[in-house]
C-alpha atoms as a PDB file:
ATOM      1  CA  MET A   1      -7.319  26.567  -1.371  1.00  0.00           C
ATOM      2  CA  ALA A   2      -7.333  22.895  -0.507  1.00  0.00           C
ATOM      3  CA  ASN A   3      -9.705  20.533  -2.236  1.00  0.00           C
ATOM      4  CA  ASN A   4     -12.068  18.717   0.109  1.00  0.00           C
ATOM      5  CA  VAL A   5     -11.873  14.941   0.017  1.00  0.00           C
ATOM      6  CA  SER A   6     -14.864  12.993   1.302  1.00  0.00           C
ATOM      7  CA  ASN A   7     -13.748   9.747   2.945  1.00  0.00           C
ATOM      8  CA  TYR A   8     -16.351   7.060   3.662  1.00  0.00           C
ATOM      9  CA  LEU A   9     -14.836   4.898   6.380  1.00  0.00           C
ATOM     10  CA  GLU A  10     -16.094   1.457   7.320  1.00  0.00           C
ATOM     11  CA  VAL A  11     -14.447  -0.589  10.098  1.00  0.00           C
ATOM     12  CA  LYS A  12     -15.138  -4.324  10.162  1.00  0.00           C
ATOM     13  CA  GLY A  13     -14.567  -6.472  13.236  1.00  0.00           C
ATOM     14  CA  THR A  14     -15.884  -7.277  16.680  1.00  0.00           C
ATOM     15  CA  ASP A  15     -18.670  -5.365  18.385  1.00  0.00           C
ATOM     16  CA  GLU A  16     -16.302  -4.478  21.231  1.00  0.00           C
ATOM     17  CA  MET A  17     -13.844  -2.803  18.876  1.00  0.00           C
ATOM     18  CA  ILE A  18     -16.488  -0.974  16.883  1.00  0.00           C
ATOM     19  CA  ASP A  19     -18.138   0.264  20.083  1.00  0.00           C
ATOM     20  CA  ALA A  20     -14.765   1.590  21.277  1.00  0.00           C
ATOM     21  CA  LEU A  21     -14.296   3.533  18.033  1.00  0.00           C
ATOM     22  CA  HIS A  22     -17.787   4.978  18.330  1.00  0.00           C
ATOM     23  CA  VAL A  23     -16.832   6.341  21.772  1.00  0.00           C
ATOM     24  CA  LEU A  24     -13.899   8.177  20.149  1.00  0.00           C
ATOM     25  CA  PHE A  25     -15.811   9.482  17.174  1.00  0.00           C
ATOM     26  CA  ASP A  26     -18.732  10.540  19.407  1.00  0.00           C
ATOM     27  CA  LYS A  27     -16.241  12.633  21.364  1.00  0.00           C
ATOM     28  CA  CYS A  28     -15.333  14.433  18.141  1.00  0.00           C
ATOM     29  CA  GLU A  29     -18.976  15.492  17.817  1.00  0.00           C
ATOM     30  CA  GLU A  30     -18.922  17.219  21.216  1.00  0.00           C
ATOM     31  CA  GLY A  31     -17.123  20.229  19.764  1.00  0.00           C
ATOM     32  CA  SER A  32     -18.134  22.568  16.976  1.00  0.00           C
ATOM     33  CA  HIS A  33     -18.526  21.268  13.415  1.00  0.00           C
ATOM     34  CA  ALA A  34     -15.225  20.713  11.648  1.00  0.00           C
ATOM     35  CA  ASP A  35     -13.233  20.847  14.925  1.00  0.00           C
ATOM     36  CA  ILE A  36      -9.834  19.748  13.667  1.00  0.00           C
ATOM     37  CA  THR A  37      -8.057  20.257  17.005  1.00  0.00           C
ATOM     38  CA  LEU A  38     -10.561  18.142  18.936  1.00  0.00           C
ATOM     39  CA  PHE A  39     -10.356  15.442  16.271  1.00  0.00           C
ATOM     40  CA  CYS A  40      -6.564  15.263  16.557  1.00  0.00           C
ATOM     41  CA  LYS A  41      -6.518  15.295  20.357  1.00  0.00           C
ATOM     42  CA  THR A  42      -9.097  12.507  20.429  1.00  0.00           C
ATOM     43  CA  PHE A  43      -6.962  10.071  18.441  1.00  0.00           C
ATOM     44  CA  TYR A  44      -3.424  11.128  19.338  1.00  0.00           C
ATOM     45  CA  ASP A  45      -1.681  11.452  22.699  1.00  0.00           C
ATOM     46  CA  GLU A  46       0.612  14.284  21.656  1.00  0.00           C
ATOM     47  CA  VAL A  47      -0.564  16.996  19.276  1.00  0.00           C
ATOM     48  CA  GLU A  48       1.543  20.012  18.283  1.00  0.00           C
ATOM     49  CA  THR A  49      -0.563  23.185  18.469  1.00  0.00           C
ATOM     50  CA  ASN A  50      -0.057  26.928  18.469  1.00  0.00           C
ATOM     51  CA  GLU A  51       0.657  28.671  21.782  1.00  0.00           C
ATOM     52  CA  GLU A  52      -3.038  29.086  22.566  1.00  0.00           C
ATOM     53  CA  GLY A  53      -3.719  25.389  21.907  1.00  0.00           C
ATOM     54  CA  THR A  54      -6.511  26.284  19.512  1.00  0.00           C
ATOM     55  CA  SER A  55      -4.966  25.270  16.204  1.00  0.00           C
ATOM     56  CA  VAL A  56      -2.923  22.235  15.173  1.00  0.00           C
ATOM     57  CA  MET A  57       0.366  22.944  13.375  1.00  0.00           C
ATOM     58  CA  ASN A  58       0.373  21.995   9.674  1.00  0.00           C
ATOM     59  CA  THR A  59       3.720  20.259   9.964  1.00  0.00           C
ATOM     60  CA  TRP A  60       2.212  17.972  12.606  1.00  0.00           C
ATOM     61  CA  THR A  61      -0.939  17.245  10.582  1.00  0.00           C
ATOM     62  CA  TYR A  62       0.959  16.324   7.441  1.00  0.00           C
ATOM     63  CA  ASP A  63       3.231  13.980   9.415  1.00  0.00           C
ATOM     64  CA  ASN A  64       0.548  12.390  11.566  1.00  0.00           C
ATOM     65  CA  LEU A  65      -2.650  12.597   9.502  1.00  0.00           C
ATOM     66  CA  GLY A  66      -1.298  12.600   5.972  1.00  0.00           C
ATOM     67  CA  ALA A  67      -3.283  15.731   5.077  1.00  0.00           C
ATOM     68  CA  LYS A  68      -3.380  19.411   6.056  1.00  0.00           C
ATOM     69  CA  TRP A  69      -6.538  18.885   8.093  1.00  0.00           C
ATOM     70  CA  VAL A  70      -9.004  16.157   8.937  1.00  0.00           C
ATOM     71  CA  TYR A  71     -12.323  16.295  10.742  1.00  0.00           C
ATOM     72  CA  LEU A  72     -15.428  14.178  11.328  1.00  0.00           C
ATOM     73  CA  GLU A  73     -18.330  15.236   9.108  1.00  0.00           C
ATOM     74  CA  ASN A  74     -20.867  12.788  10.549  1.00  0.00           C
ATOM     75  CA  THR A  75     -21.530   9.256  11.734  1.00  0.00           C
ATOM     76  CA  ILE A  76     -23.217   7.286   8.943  1.00  0.00           C
ATOM     77  CA  ASP A  77     -24.154   4.079  10.725  1.00  0.00           C
ATOM     78  CA  THR A  78     -22.659   1.440  13.026  1.00  0.00           C
ATOM     79  CA  GLY A  79     -18.958   1.184  12.157  1.00  0.00           C
ATOM     80  CA  ARG A  80     -19.270   3.775   9.375  1.00  0.00           C
ATOM     81  CA  TRP A  81     -18.226   7.426   9.303  1.00  0.00           C
ATOM     82  CA  ASN A  82     -17.857  10.318   6.834  1.00  0.00           C
ATOM     83  CA  ILE A  83     -14.524  12.028   7.350  1.00  0.00           C
ATOM     84  CA  GLN A  84     -13.386  15.133   5.497  1.00  0.00           C
ATOM     85  CA  SER A  85      -9.745  15.861   4.645  1.00  0.00           C
ATOM     86  CA  ALA A  86      -7.739  18.316   2.618  1.00  0.00           C
ATOM     87  CA  ASN A  87      -6.308  17.309  -0.783  1.00  0.00           C
ATOM     88  CA  TYR A  88      -5.555  13.686   0.089  1.00  0.00           C
ATOM     89  CA  THR A  89      -7.136  10.734   1.803  1.00  0.00           C
ATOM     90  CA  PRO A  90      -5.397  10.841   5.231  1.00  0.00           C
ATOM     91  CA  LYS A  91      -3.233   7.733   5.014  1.00  0.00           C
ATOM     92  CA  GLU A  92      -1.399   8.304   8.287  1.00  0.00           C
ATOM     93  CA  PHE A  93      -4.687   8.691  10.158  1.00  0.00           C
ATOM     94  CA  TRP A  94      -6.008   5.418   8.749  1.00  0.00           C
ATOM     95  CA  ILE A  95      -2.865   3.722  10.038  1.00  0.00           C
ATOM     96  CA  ARG A  96      -3.321   5.368  13.447  1.00  0.00           C
ATOM     97  CA  LEU A  97      -6.950   4.208  13.549  1.00  0.00           C
ATOM     98  CA  TYR A  98      -5.832   0.703  12.677  1.00  0.00           C
ATOM     99  CA  GLU A  99      -3.288   0.808  15.530  1.00  0.00           C
ATOM    100  CA  ILE A 100      -6.057   1.701  17.967  1.00  0.00           C
ATOM    101  CA  ALA A 101      -8.484  -0.896  16.660  1.00  0.00           C
ATOM    102  CA  VAL A 102      -6.074  -3.836  16.282  1.00  0.00           C
ATOM    103  CA  LYS A 103      -5.291  -3.752  19.994  1.00  0.00           C
ATOM    104  CA  ILE A 104      -8.923  -4.713  20.618  1.00  0.00           C
ATOM    105  CA  ASP A 105      -9.566  -6.873  17.550  1.00  0.00           C
ATOM    106  CA  PRO A 106      -6.458  -8.449  15.992  1.00  0.00           C
ATOM    107  CA  GLU A 107      -8.376  -9.209  12.764  1.00  0.00           C
ATOM    108  CA  VAL A 108      -9.876  -5.760  12.207  1.00  0.00           C
ATOM    109  CA  VAL A 109     -10.248  -4.588   8.601  1.00  0.00           C
ATOM    110  CA  ILE A 110     -10.403  -0.918   7.639  1.00  0.00           C
ATOM    111  CA  GLU A 111     -12.030   0.096   4.353  1.00  0.00           C
ATOM    112  CA  VAL A 112     -12.276   3.603   2.966  1.00  0.00           C
ATOM    113  CA  GLN A 113     -13.853   4.841  -0.241  1.00  0.00           C
ATOM    114  CA  PHE A 114     -12.969   8.432  -1.072  1.00  0.00           C
ATOM    115  CA  GLU A 115     -13.628  11.122  -3.644  1.00  0.00           C
ATOM    116  CA  ASP A 116     -11.963  14.459  -4.259  1.00  0.00           C
ATOM    117  CA  GLU A 117     -14.477  17.219  -4.849  1.00  0.00           C
ATOM    118  CA  SER A 118     -13.064  17.449  -8.388  1.00  0.00           C
ATOM    119  CA  VAL A 119     -13.582  13.634  -8.729  1.00  0.00           C
ATOM    120  CA  SER A 120      -9.900  13.420  -9.638  1.00  0.00           C
ATOM    121  CA  PRO A 121      -9.206  11.136  -7.991  1.00  0.00           C
ATOM    122  CA  VAL A 122     -11.707   8.755  -6.501  1.00  0.00           C
ATOM    123  CA  GLY A 123     -10.316   5.703  -4.781  1.00  0.00           C
ATOM    124  CA  ALA A 124     -10.199   3.237  -1.953  1.00  0.00           C
ATOM    125  CA  VAL A 125      -7.998   2.231   0.974  1.00  0.00           C
ATOM    126  CA  VAL A 126      -7.793  -1.161   2.636  1.00  0.00           C
ATOM    127  CA  ILE A 127      -5.814  -2.042   5.780  1.00  0.00           C
ATOM    128  CA  LYS A 128      -5.827  -5.659   6.831  1.00  0.00           C
ATOM    129  CA  LYS A 129      -3.480  -8.497   7.672  1.00  0.00           C
ATOM    130  CA  TYR A 130      -1.966 -10.740   5.041  1.00  0.00           C
ATOM    131  CA  GLU A 131      -0.570 -13.886   6.588  1.00  0.00           C
ATOM    132  CA  GLY A 132      -0.516 -12.136   9.961  1.00  0.00           C
ATOM    133  CA  ARG A 133       1.226  -9.008   8.687  1.00  0.00           C
ATOM    134  CA  PRO A 134      -0.675  -5.669   8.625  1.00  0.00           C
ATOM    135  CA  SER A 135      -0.658  -4.185   5.120  1.00  0.00           C
ATOM    136  CA  ILE A 136      -2.222  -1.202   3.367  1.00  0.00           C
ATOM    137  CA  HIS A 137      -3.039  -0.485  -0.241  1.00  0.00           C
ATOM    138  CA  ILE A 138      -4.447   2.705  -1.757  1.00  0.00           C
ATOM    139  CA  GLU A 139      -5.909   2.518  -5.259  1.00  0.00           C
ATOM    140  CA  GLU A 140      -6.892   5.667  -7.144  1.00  0.00           C
ATOM    141  CA  ASN A 141      -8.769   6.426 -10.368  1.00  0.00           C
ATOM    142  CA  TYR A 142      -8.060   9.757 -12.111  1.00  0.00           C
ATOM    143  CA  ASP A 143     -10.134   9.068 -15.243  1.00  0.00           C
ATOM    144  CA  LEU A 144     -13.583  10.321 -14.228  1.00  0.00           C
ATOM    145  CA  GLU A 145     -15.051  13.576 -15.541  1.00  0.00           C
ATOM    146  CA  ASP A 146     -18.228  15.027 -14.101  1.00  0.00           C
ATOM    147  CA  PRO A 147     -20.629  15.676 -17.005  1.00  0.00           C
ATOM    148  CA  THR A 148     -22.616  18.169 -14.935  1.00  0.00           C
ATOM    149  CA  ASP A 149     -19.623  20.539 -15.004  1.00  0.00           C
ATOM    150  CA  GLU A 150     -20.694  21.486 -18.519  1.00  0.00           C
ATOM    151  CA  MET A 151     -24.357  21.878 -17.553  1.00  0.00           C
ATOM    152  CA  ASP A 152     -26.560  24.389 -15.797  1.00  0.00           C
ATOM    153  CA  TRP A 153     -28.410  23.051 -12.756  1.00  0.00           C
ATOM    154  CA  GLU A 154     -31.636  24.266 -14.344  1.00  0.00           C
ATOM    155  CA  ASP A 155     -31.176  22.059 -17.419  1.00  0.00           C
ATOM    156  CA  GLU A 156     -34.053  19.658 -17.916  1.00  0.00           C
ATOM    157  CA  ASN A 157     -32.019  16.482 -17.489  1.00  0.00           C
ATOM    158  CA  TYR A 158     -29.526  17.798 -14.918  1.00  0.00           C
ATOM    159  CA  ASP A 159     -30.821  15.630 -12.061  1.00  0.00           C
ATOM    160  CA  GLU A 160     -30.840  12.493 -14.222  1.00  0.00           C
ATOM    161  CA  VAL A 161     -27.277  13.070 -15.421  1.00  0.00           C
ATOM    162  CA  GLN A 162     -26.132  13.830 -11.876  1.00  0.00           C
ATOM    163  CA  GLN A 163     -27.721  10.628 -10.565  1.00  0.00           C
ATOM    164  CA  GLU A 164     -26.178   8.539 -13.328  1.00  0.00           C
ATOM    165  CA  PHE A 165     -22.753   9.983 -12.612  1.00  0.00           C
ATOM    166  CA  GLN A 166     -23.151   9.192  -8.909  1.00  0.00           C
ATOM    167  CA  GLY A 167     -23.526   5.557  -9.931  1.00  0.00           C
ATOM    168  CA  VAL A 168     -20.382   5.818 -12.058  1.00  0.00           C
ATOM    169  CA  LYS A 169     -18.421   7.217  -9.096  1.00  0.00           C
ATOM    170  CA  GLU A 170     -19.673   4.482  -6.786  1.00  0.00           C
ATOM    171  CA  ASP A 171     -18.732   1.794  -9.305  1.00  0.00           C
ATOM    172  CA  ALA A 172     -15.252   3.298  -9.703  1.00  0.00           C
ATOM    173  CA  MET A 173     -14.675   3.437  -5.938  1.00  0.00           C
ATOM    174  CA  GLU A 174     -15.878  -0.135  -5.580  1.00  0.00           C
ATOM    175  CA  ALA A 175     -13.479  -1.252  -8.312  1.00  0.00           C
ATOM    176  CA  CYS A 176     -10.658   0.459  -6.430  1.00  0.00           C
ATOM    177  CA  MET A 177     -11.700  -1.374  -3.295  1.00  0.00           C
ATOM    178  CA  VAL A 178     -11.629  -4.743  -5.087  1.00  0.00           C
ATOM    179  CA  GLU A 179      -8.163  -3.912  -6.453  1.00  0.00           C
ATOM    180  CA  SER A 180      -6.890  -2.928  -3.005  1.00  0.00           C
ATOM    181  CA  TYR A 181      -7.970  -6.285  -1.602  1.00  0.00           C
ATOM    182  CA  ARG A 182      -6.428  -8.061  -4.576  1.00  0.00           C
ATOM    183  CA  MET A 183      -3.107  -6.308  -4.033  1.00  0.00           C
ATOM    184  CA  ILE A 184      -2.939  -7.128  -0.332  1.00  0.00           C
ATOM    185  CA  ASP A 185      -4.133 -10.700  -0.743  1.00  0.00           C
ATOM    186  CA  GLY A 186      -1.541 -11.154  -3.512  1.00  0.00           C
ATOM    187  CA  ASN A 187       1.180 -10.052  -1.101  1.00  0.00           C
ATOM    188  CA  ASP A 188       1.648  -6.799  -3.019  1.00  0.00           C
ATOM    189  CA  GLY A 189       0.358  -4.469  -0.291  1.00  0.00           C
ATOM    190  CA  GLU A 190       2.583  -2.092   1.625  1.00  0.00           C
ATOM    191  CA  GLU A 191       3.503  -3.650   4.978  1.00  0.00           C
ATOM    192  CA  LEU A 192       2.893  -1.222   7.827  1.00  0.00           C
ATOM    193  CA  TYR A 193       5.723  -2.278  10.100  1.00  0.00           C
ATOM    194  CA  ASP A 194       9.106  -3.846  10.237  1.00  0.00           C
ATOM    195  CA  ASP A 195       9.256  -6.859  12.565  1.00  0.00           C
ATOM    196  CA  GLU A 196      10.600  -4.809  15.440  1.00  0.00           C
ATOM    197  CA  ASP A 197       7.945  -2.101  14.996  1.00  0.00           C
ATOM    198  CA  GLU A 198       4.868  -4.260  14.736  1.00  0.00           C
ATOM    199  CA  VAL A 199       1.901  -3.302  16.906  1.00  0.00           C
END
């Protein structure tokens, strides 16, 4: 069974671009909860499905999303969404989202903080331009261990330990975000396109 990964997406840029993304994500909420097929058809022109058109083929999702499945969990706030994926943060979807957004706002920045349900890993993704060239960096931390795994939820200090660990996770994801920016701004990010392929 696939591990759930919670991805906390924030898109930074013009109001016009953010509004356009909200239109797309709002469309994803028109279907049932965890509607993977609707999610894919909202963001991609061609989606490979089964004969009934009710399920997206896994080969397609791995190639185009970067994970077995992806769906919108909820809208958090303006320009911010909670997106669930299987096993991995969906790198290929983040690139697709960037391709959509950059056509409206050439200076768009995409940030994602993510955590596997096992907290191994937590991490961050940044997509932005460095000297006019779109680049991506994904930084991961595999060193966290959830102390509540060894506790019973009825233990007297369970809530306190859980809250403290939430802060540790948030600090680790933020550190990964800082490192992702540092890598891109140091010209060590992964360029998204060759010259002839640039959006």
